[in-house]
Protein backbone atom coordinates (compact mmCIF):
# COMPACT_ATOMS: atom_id res chain seq x y z
CA MET A 1 97.65 76.23 102.00
CA ILE A 2 94.69 77.01 104.25
CA LEU A 3 91.11 77.03 103.01
CA ARG A 4 88.18 78.51 104.89
CA ASN A 5 85.15 76.35 105.40
CA PRO A 6 81.69 76.93 106.87
CA LEU A 7 82.51 75.17 110.14
CA THR A 8 81.85 77.37 113.15
CA HIS A 9 82.94 77.50 116.74
CA LEU A 10 82.42 79.71 119.77
CA THR A 11 85.25 81.84 121.12
CA SER A 12 85.82 82.08 124.85
CA ALA A 13 83.75 85.27 124.73
CA GLY A 14 80.80 83.35 123.30
CA ILE A 15 81.09 84.90 119.83
CA LEU A 16 80.20 82.65 116.93
CA VAL A 17 82.94 82.70 114.30
CA PHE A 18 83.80 80.77 111.16
CA ALA A 19 86.75 78.49 111.53
CA THR A 20 89.39 77.61 108.99
CA ALA A 21 90.67 74.18 108.16
CA ALA A 22 93.73 72.72 106.50
CA LEU A 23 93.45 70.81 103.29
CA PRO A 24 93.28 67.03 103.75
CA GLY A 25 96.74 65.62 104.29
CA THR A 26 98.23 68.90 105.52
CA SER A 27 99.90 68.59 108.92
CA TYR A 28 100.58 71.69 110.97
CA ALA A 29 102.98 69.65 113.10
CA GLN A 30 104.93 68.53 110.03
CA LYS A 31 105.31 72.13 108.92
CA GLY A 32 106.08 73.32 112.46
CA LEU A 33 103.47 76.07 112.21
CA PRO A 34 103.24 78.13 115.41
CA GLY A 35 99.47 78.57 115.08
CA GLU A 36 98.69 74.87 115.31
CA GLY A 37 95.49 74.43 117.30
CA LYS A 38 95.12 78.15 118.00
CA SER A 39 92.53 80.68 116.84
CA VAL A 40 92.56 84.44 116.28
CA THR A 41 89.60 86.80 116.46
CA ILE A 42 90.02 90.10 114.58
CA ALA A 43 88.01 93.26 115.18
CA GLN A 44 87.59 95.78 112.37
CA PRO A 45 85.89 99.20 112.09
CA ASN A 46 82.45 99.61 110.58
CA ASP A 47 83.96 101.72 107.80
CA ASP A 48 84.98 99.35 105.00
CA THR A 49 88.01 101.29 103.69
CA GLY A 50 90.28 99.34 106.05
CA TRP A 51 88.79 95.89 105.59
CA ILE A 52 91.47 94.94 103.09
CA MET A 53 94.03 95.23 105.91
CA THR A 54 91.98 92.77 107.96
CA GLU A 55 91.96 90.33 105.05
CA VAL A 56 95.70 90.57 104.37
CA TYR A 57 96.55 89.91 108.01
CA THR A 58 93.99 87.11 108.09
CA GLN A 59 95.70 85.30 105.24
CA LEU A 60 99.16 85.83 106.73
CA LEU A 61 98.01 84.40 110.05
CA GLU A 62 96.46 81.46 108.25
CA GLU A 63 99.82 80.74 106.64
CA LEU A 64 101.23 80.46 110.16
CA GLY A 65 98.58 77.82 110.91
CA TYR A 66 96.14 79.92 112.91
CA GLU A 67 92.40 79.53 112.55
CA VAL A 68 91.01 83.01 111.88
CA GLY A 69 87.33 83.59 112.43
CA THR A 70 85.06 85.95 110.56
CA PRO A 71 86.05 89.47 111.69
CA ILE A 72 83.87 91.27 114.20
CA THR A 73 82.75 94.63 112.76
CA LEU A 74 82.37 97.27 115.46
CA ASP A 75 82.31 101.00 116.15
CA VAL A 76 85.88 102.19 116.67
CA PRO A 77 85.73 102.77 120.47
CA VAL A 78 84.07 99.38 120.98
CA ALA A 79 86.74 97.68 118.87
CA TYR A 80 89.46 98.98 121.19
CA GLN A 81 87.47 97.93 124.24
CA THR A 82 86.95 94.48 122.76
CA VAL A 83 90.67 94.02 122.17
CA SER A 84 91.48 95.32 125.65
CA GLN A 85 89.11 92.83 127.26
CA GLY A 86 90.34 89.93 125.13
CA SER A 87 87.07 89.29 123.30
CA ALA A 88 89.07 90.06 120.16
CA ASP A 89 92.80 89.53 119.75
CA LEU A 90 93.72 92.02 117.05
CA TYR A 91 92.57 95.33 115.54
CA PRO A 92 94.64 96.08 112.39
CA ASP A 93 93.27 99.58 111.70
CA GLY A 94 94.60 101.75 114.53
CA TRP A 95 95.25 105.40 113.66
CA PHE A 96 97.84 107.23 115.73
CA PRO A 97 97.97 109.82 117.17
CA LEU A 98 94.24 110.11 116.34
CA HIS A 99 93.36 107.07 118.46
CA ASN A 100 95.75 107.80 121.34
CA THR A 101 92.79 108.48 123.59
CA TYR A 102 91.67 104.84 123.31
CA VAL A 103 94.97 103.15 124.14
CA ASP A 104 96.44 105.60 126.67
CA THR A 105 93.60 105.00 129.10
CA PRO A 106 94.84 103.52 132.41
CA GLY A 107 94.14 99.81 132.53
CA TYR A 108 93.89 99.41 128.76
CA GLY A 109 94.89 95.85 127.92
CA GLY A 110 96.26 96.24 124.41
CA GLU A 111 99.34 97.54 122.69
CA ARG A 112 100.44 99.02 119.40
CA VAL A 113 102.74 96.70 117.49
CA GLY A 114 104.28 97.27 114.07
CA TYR A 115 103.00 99.50 111.26
CA VAL A 116 100.57 98.88 108.44
CA VAL A 117 101.54 102.20 106.84
CA LYS A 118 103.95 104.74 108.35
CA GLN A 119 102.79 108.35 107.96
CA GLY A 120 100.46 107.36 105.16
CA ALA A 121 97.26 108.90 106.41
CA LEU A 122 96.31 112.47 105.54
CA GLN A 123 93.23 114.05 107.10
CA GLY A 124 91.46 117.33 106.68
CA TYR A 125 88.67 119.37 105.18
CA LEU A 126 87.70 119.73 101.52
CA VAL A 127 85.26 121.78 99.47
CA ASP A 128 84.24 121.48 95.84
CA LYS A 129 86.71 123.33 93.64
CA ALA A 130 84.10 125.48 91.90
CA SER A 131 82.84 126.91 95.18
CA ALA A 132 86.35 127.43 96.53
CA GLU A 133 87.14 129.56 93.48
CA LYS A 134 83.78 131.37 93.42
CA TYR A 135 83.88 132.39 97.08
CA GLY A 136 87.62 132.57 97.61
CA ILE A 137 87.60 129.85 100.25
CA LYS A 138 91.04 129.17 101.70
CA THR A 139 90.40 128.16 105.33
CA LEU A 140 87.61 127.06 107.63
CA ASP A 141 87.41 130.68 108.81
CA ASP A 142 85.83 131.59 105.48
CA PHE A 143 82.67 129.82 106.63
CA LYS A 144 82.09 132.67 109.06
CA ARG A 145 81.18 134.82 106.04
CA PRO A 146 77.39 134.93 105.54
CA GLU A 147 77.51 134.34 101.79
CA VAL A 148 79.63 131.20 102.25
CA ARG A 149 77.43 129.80 105.02
CA GLU A 150 74.35 130.37 102.89
CA ALA A 151 75.86 128.65 99.84
CA PHE A 152 76.70 125.50 101.84
CA ASP A 153 73.51 125.45 103.93
CA ARG A 154 71.61 122.46 102.57
CA ASP A 155 69.07 122.05 105.37
CA GLY A 156 68.11 125.68 105.95
CA ASP A 157 69.39 126.01 109.53
CA GLY A 158 71.63 128.98 108.71
CA LYS A 159 74.86 126.96 108.98
CA ALA A 160 77.11 125.38 106.37
CA ASP A 161 76.63 121.62 106.33
CA MET A 162 79.78 119.53 106.62
CA VAL A 163 80.06 115.74 106.37
CA ALA A 164 81.91 114.87 109.58
CA CYS A 165 82.34 111.61 111.51
CA PRO A 166 79.90 109.40 113.43
CA PRO A 167 79.84 109.72 117.23
CA GLY A 168 82.71 107.95 118.94
CA TRP A 169 85.15 108.00 116.03
CA GLY A 170 88.49 109.63 116.83
CA CYS A 171 87.96 112.13 114.04
CA GLU A 172 84.57 113.10 115.48
CA LEU A 173 86.27 114.18 118.70
CA THR A 174 88.92 116.22 116.88
CA ILE A 175 86.39 117.90 114.59
CA GLN A 176 84.29 118.84 117.61
CA TYR A 177 87.38 120.24 119.33
CA GLN A 178 88.41 122.30 116.30
CA LEU A 179 84.96 123.75 115.66
CA GLU A 180 84.99 125.03 119.24
CA ALA A 181 88.61 126.21 119.10
CA PHE A 182 88.03 128.16 115.87
CA ASP A 183 84.67 129.54 117.06
CA LEU A 184 82.80 127.83 114.22
CA ASN A 185 79.91 126.17 116.05
CA GLU A 186 77.54 128.88 114.84
CA SER A 187 78.86 128.67 111.28
CA ILE A 188 79.24 124.95 110.52
CA ASN A 189 76.84 122.08 111.16
CA PRO A 190 78.77 118.75 111.38
CA ILE A 191 76.76 115.87 109.93
CA LYS A 192 77.49 112.85 112.14
CA ALA A 193 75.39 110.22 110.41
CA HIS A 194 76.84 107.07 108.81
CA TYR A 195 79.91 108.34 106.95
CA ALA A 196 79.60 106.38 103.70
CA ALA A 197 75.92 107.28 103.34
CA SER A 198 76.60 110.94 104.14
CA MET A 199 79.40 111.06 101.58
CA ALA A 200 77.25 109.37 98.94
CA ASP A 201 74.66 112.09 99.53
CA ALA A 202 77.32 114.79 99.25
CA ILE A 203 78.65 113.32 96.01
CA ALA A 204 75.15 113.26 94.55
CA ALA A 205 74.71 116.90 95.58
CA HIS A 206 78.03 117.80 93.96
CA GLN A 207 76.96 116.16 90.72
CA GLN A 208 73.92 118.44 90.75
CA GLY A 209 76.11 121.52 91.21
CA THR A 210 75.50 122.01 94.93
CA PRO A 211 78.46 123.21 97.06
CA ILE A 212 79.82 120.60 99.45
CA LEU A 213 82.11 120.64 102.49
CA PHE A 214 83.43 117.45 104.05
CA TYR A 215 86.10 115.87 106.20
CA THR A 216 88.01 112.90 104.81
CA TRP A 217 91.16 110.89 105.24
CA THR A 218 93.49 108.81 103.11
CA PRO A 219 93.46 106.03 102.16
CA ASN A 220 89.77 106.41 101.38
CA TRP A 221 87.51 105.89 98.37
CA THR A 222 86.33 109.52 98.57
CA VAL A 223 89.50 110.81 96.92
CA TYR A 224 88.82 108.54 93.96
CA GLU A 225 85.24 109.72 93.57
CA LEU A 226 86.15 113.36 94.14
CA LYS A 227 89.70 113.98 92.95
CA PRO A 228 91.65 116.69 94.80
CA GLY A 229 92.71 119.40 92.37
CA GLU A 230 90.03 118.46 89.86
CA ASP A 231 86.71 118.10 91.67
CA VAL A 232 87.58 119.32 95.16
CA VAL A 233 90.37 121.09 97.04
CA TRP A 234 91.87 120.65 100.47
CA ILE A 235 91.39 123.80 102.53
CA GLN A 236 93.39 124.89 105.57
CA THR A 237 92.63 125.41 109.21
CA PRO A 238 93.01 128.99 110.53
CA SER A 239 95.84 127.79 112.79
CA ILE A 240 97.16 124.55 114.23
CA ASP A 241 94.99 123.75 117.23
CA LEU A 242 94.72 120.12 118.32
CA PRO A 243 93.53 118.16 121.35
CA GLU A 244 96.15 117.86 124.05
CA GLU A 245 97.14 114.29 123.24
CA GLN A 246 98.02 115.30 119.64
CA ARG A 247 99.83 118.59 120.26
CA ASP A 248 103.34 117.20 120.23
CA LEU A 249 102.77 116.29 116.57
CA ALA A 250 101.53 119.72 115.49
CA GLU A 251 104.47 120.22 113.12
CA SER A 252 103.27 117.32 110.97
CA ALA A 253 99.91 119.09 110.45
CA ILE A 254 101.61 121.29 107.83
CA VAL A 255 102.43 119.15 104.81
CA GLU A 256 104.31 119.93 101.61
CA GLY A 257 103.19 118.71 98.21
CA VAL A 258 99.57 117.88 99.03
CA GLU A 259 97.88 117.49 95.66
CA GLY A 260 94.85 119.74 95.35
CA CYS A 261 95.51 121.93 98.37
CA VAL A 262 94.79 125.67 98.17
CA GLU A 263 98.35 126.39 99.38
CA ASP A 264 101.72 124.67 99.44
CA PRO A 265 102.79 123.78 102.07
CA CYS A 266 99.28 122.91 103.18
CA GLN A 267 98.15 123.64 106.73
CA LEU A 268 95.82 120.68 106.96
CA GLY A 269 95.47 121.16 110.70
CA TRP A 270 95.63 117.41 111.35
CA PRO A 271 98.86 115.50 112.03
CA ILE A 272 99.82 112.81 109.57
CA SER A 273 98.78 109.51 111.12
CA ASP A 274 100.44 106.11 111.22
CA ILE A 275 98.16 103.13 110.64
CA ARG A 276 99.14 100.48 113.18
CA PRO A 277 97.86 97.11 114.39
CA VAL A 278 96.69 96.99 118.01
CA ALA A 279 96.61 93.64 119.79
CA ASN A 280 95.64 92.26 123.18
CA SER A 281 98.75 92.21 125.37
CA GLU A 282 98.14 88.75 126.83
CA PHE A 283 97.51 87.36 123.35
CA LEU A 284 100.81 88.79 122.10
CA GLU A 285 102.69 87.34 125.07
CA ALA A 286 101.24 83.91 124.35
CA ASN A 287 101.82 84.20 120.58
CA PRO A 288 105.30 85.58 119.84
CA ALA A 289 104.97 84.54 116.19
CA VAL A 290 102.02 86.90 115.78
CA LYS A 291 103.90 89.72 117.47
CA THR A 292 106.87 89.20 115.18
CA LEU A 293 104.65 89.06 112.10
CA LEU A 294 102.96 92.34 113.07
CA GLN A 295 106.35 93.94 113.66
CA GLU A 296 107.61 92.87 110.24
CA ALA A 297 104.60 93.18 107.93
CA SER A 298 103.34 96.30 106.17
CA ILE A 299 100.96 97.11 103.33
CA PRO A 300 101.74 99.72 100.64
CA LEU A 301 99.46 102.75 100.57
CA ASP A 302 99.11 102.52 96.78
CA PHE A 303 97.65 99.03 97.09
CA ILE A 304 95.09 100.19 99.66
CA PHE A 305 94.13 103.11 97.40
CA ALA A 306 93.71 100.82 94.42
CA GLN A 307 91.69 98.26 96.39
CA ASN A 308 89.40 100.95 97.79
CA ALA A 309 88.73 102.20 94.28
CA GLU A 310 88.01 98.68 93.04
CA MET A 311 85.73 98.12 96.01
CA LYS A 312 83.68 101.25 95.38
CA ASN A 313 83.32 100.21 91.74
CA GLY A 314 81.52 97.04 92.76
CA ALA A 315 84.20 94.54 93.82
CA ASP A 316 83.09 94.65 97.46
CA SER A 317 82.07 91.12 98.40
CA ALA A 318 83.87 88.90 100.89
CA GLU A 319 85.11 86.87 97.93
CA ASP A 320 86.48 90.02 96.29
CA LEU A 321 88.35 90.97 99.47
CA GLU A 322 89.85 87.50 99.71
CA ARG A 323 90.91 87.61 96.04
CA GLN A 324 92.39 91.11 96.30
CA ALA A 325 94.44 90.19 99.35
CA SER A 326 95.64 86.86 97.94
CA GLU A 327 96.68 88.49 94.65
CA TRP A 328 98.72 91.10 96.52
CA ILE A 329 100.36 88.42 98.68
CA ALA A 330 101.19 86.35 95.58
CA ALA A 331 102.70 89.38 93.85
CA ASN A 332 104.89 90.06 96.90
CA ARG A 333 105.67 86.44 97.78
CA GLU A 334 109.38 86.88 98.45
CA GLU A 335 108.87 89.69 100.96
CA VAL A 336 105.90 87.93 102.57
CA ASP A 337 107.89 84.71 102.96
CA ALA A 338 110.63 86.65 104.76
CA TRP A 339 108.07 87.98 107.27
CA LEU A 340 106.65 84.52 107.83
CA GLU A 341 110.08 82.95 108.28
CA LYS A 342 110.95 85.49 111.00
CA ALA A 343 107.62 84.82 112.67
CA ARG A 344 108.22 81.06 112.67
CA ALA A 345 111.79 81.52 113.90
CA SER A 346 110.58 83.57 116.88
CA VAL A 347 109.16 80.44 118.51
CA ASN A 348 111.97 78.02 117.67
């Protein structure tokens, strides 16, 4: 068993992190743990919906004997850069193909390894159900109609306001591309402020009866606050038009059985994404046990949904994250032990 303590150390990049320590009497050498005397620095996005993945992987790495520092919270592009340069070793929240642009860059020093969730991430645009029914909104093209733009114009600029993504996020680039491709720049104003704050504002507006339009993804707390089919509906894109690096996955942008979509199958216009860990290549080469663990481990989508809901209802402290992850690991001990055994065997 590994317990975290308030001891700190500096990484080679000069970043102050919290170290972990074994309980008195515990010998890494006796247990043959591959992480003996080694540390791991994890980067995570500034959106907290994926922080539970960081915590699960942290605890798994600790069981292999690694010291895992406090995660570095960064904007998504910076997180990839940090992993590439070796200032962080691991980024557990990669979205592909959405984040292809970050890892396909020549000279990038990281690699995708394993899957957190295969094809578990939906993305797209939603409007409140009442407005969709009132104005007959089926696709983004409906926002070219003056009466629809006016209804969703909250700041008086003549355009419908849409909660989008902060600058630099992969989704921000795709939204920008689609607004241009569908000739919607004069009809929709993408709000690129802090996502959680923008969504909180939209939810408050919805509670007051104001029409709302927003982009979201799953797993995400938004679909707990605003339930598709009850409070909001997924709407479609006019056609499938994606940035070049995503076009080979266009078929997956039409999805059957999407709860709360205006049509079935639903032309979401975004390919289903895999959530994958991304790690520094040199770190993986030096730590085959970590590579094996990442190849073997996965986290159920239902658990991430449930944790996100619990988090948004107040269980959002570092202690809550640690408890939520440890409870899931305990409930899945047999499967987790199999992953860890393969990881240990990879260095023997």
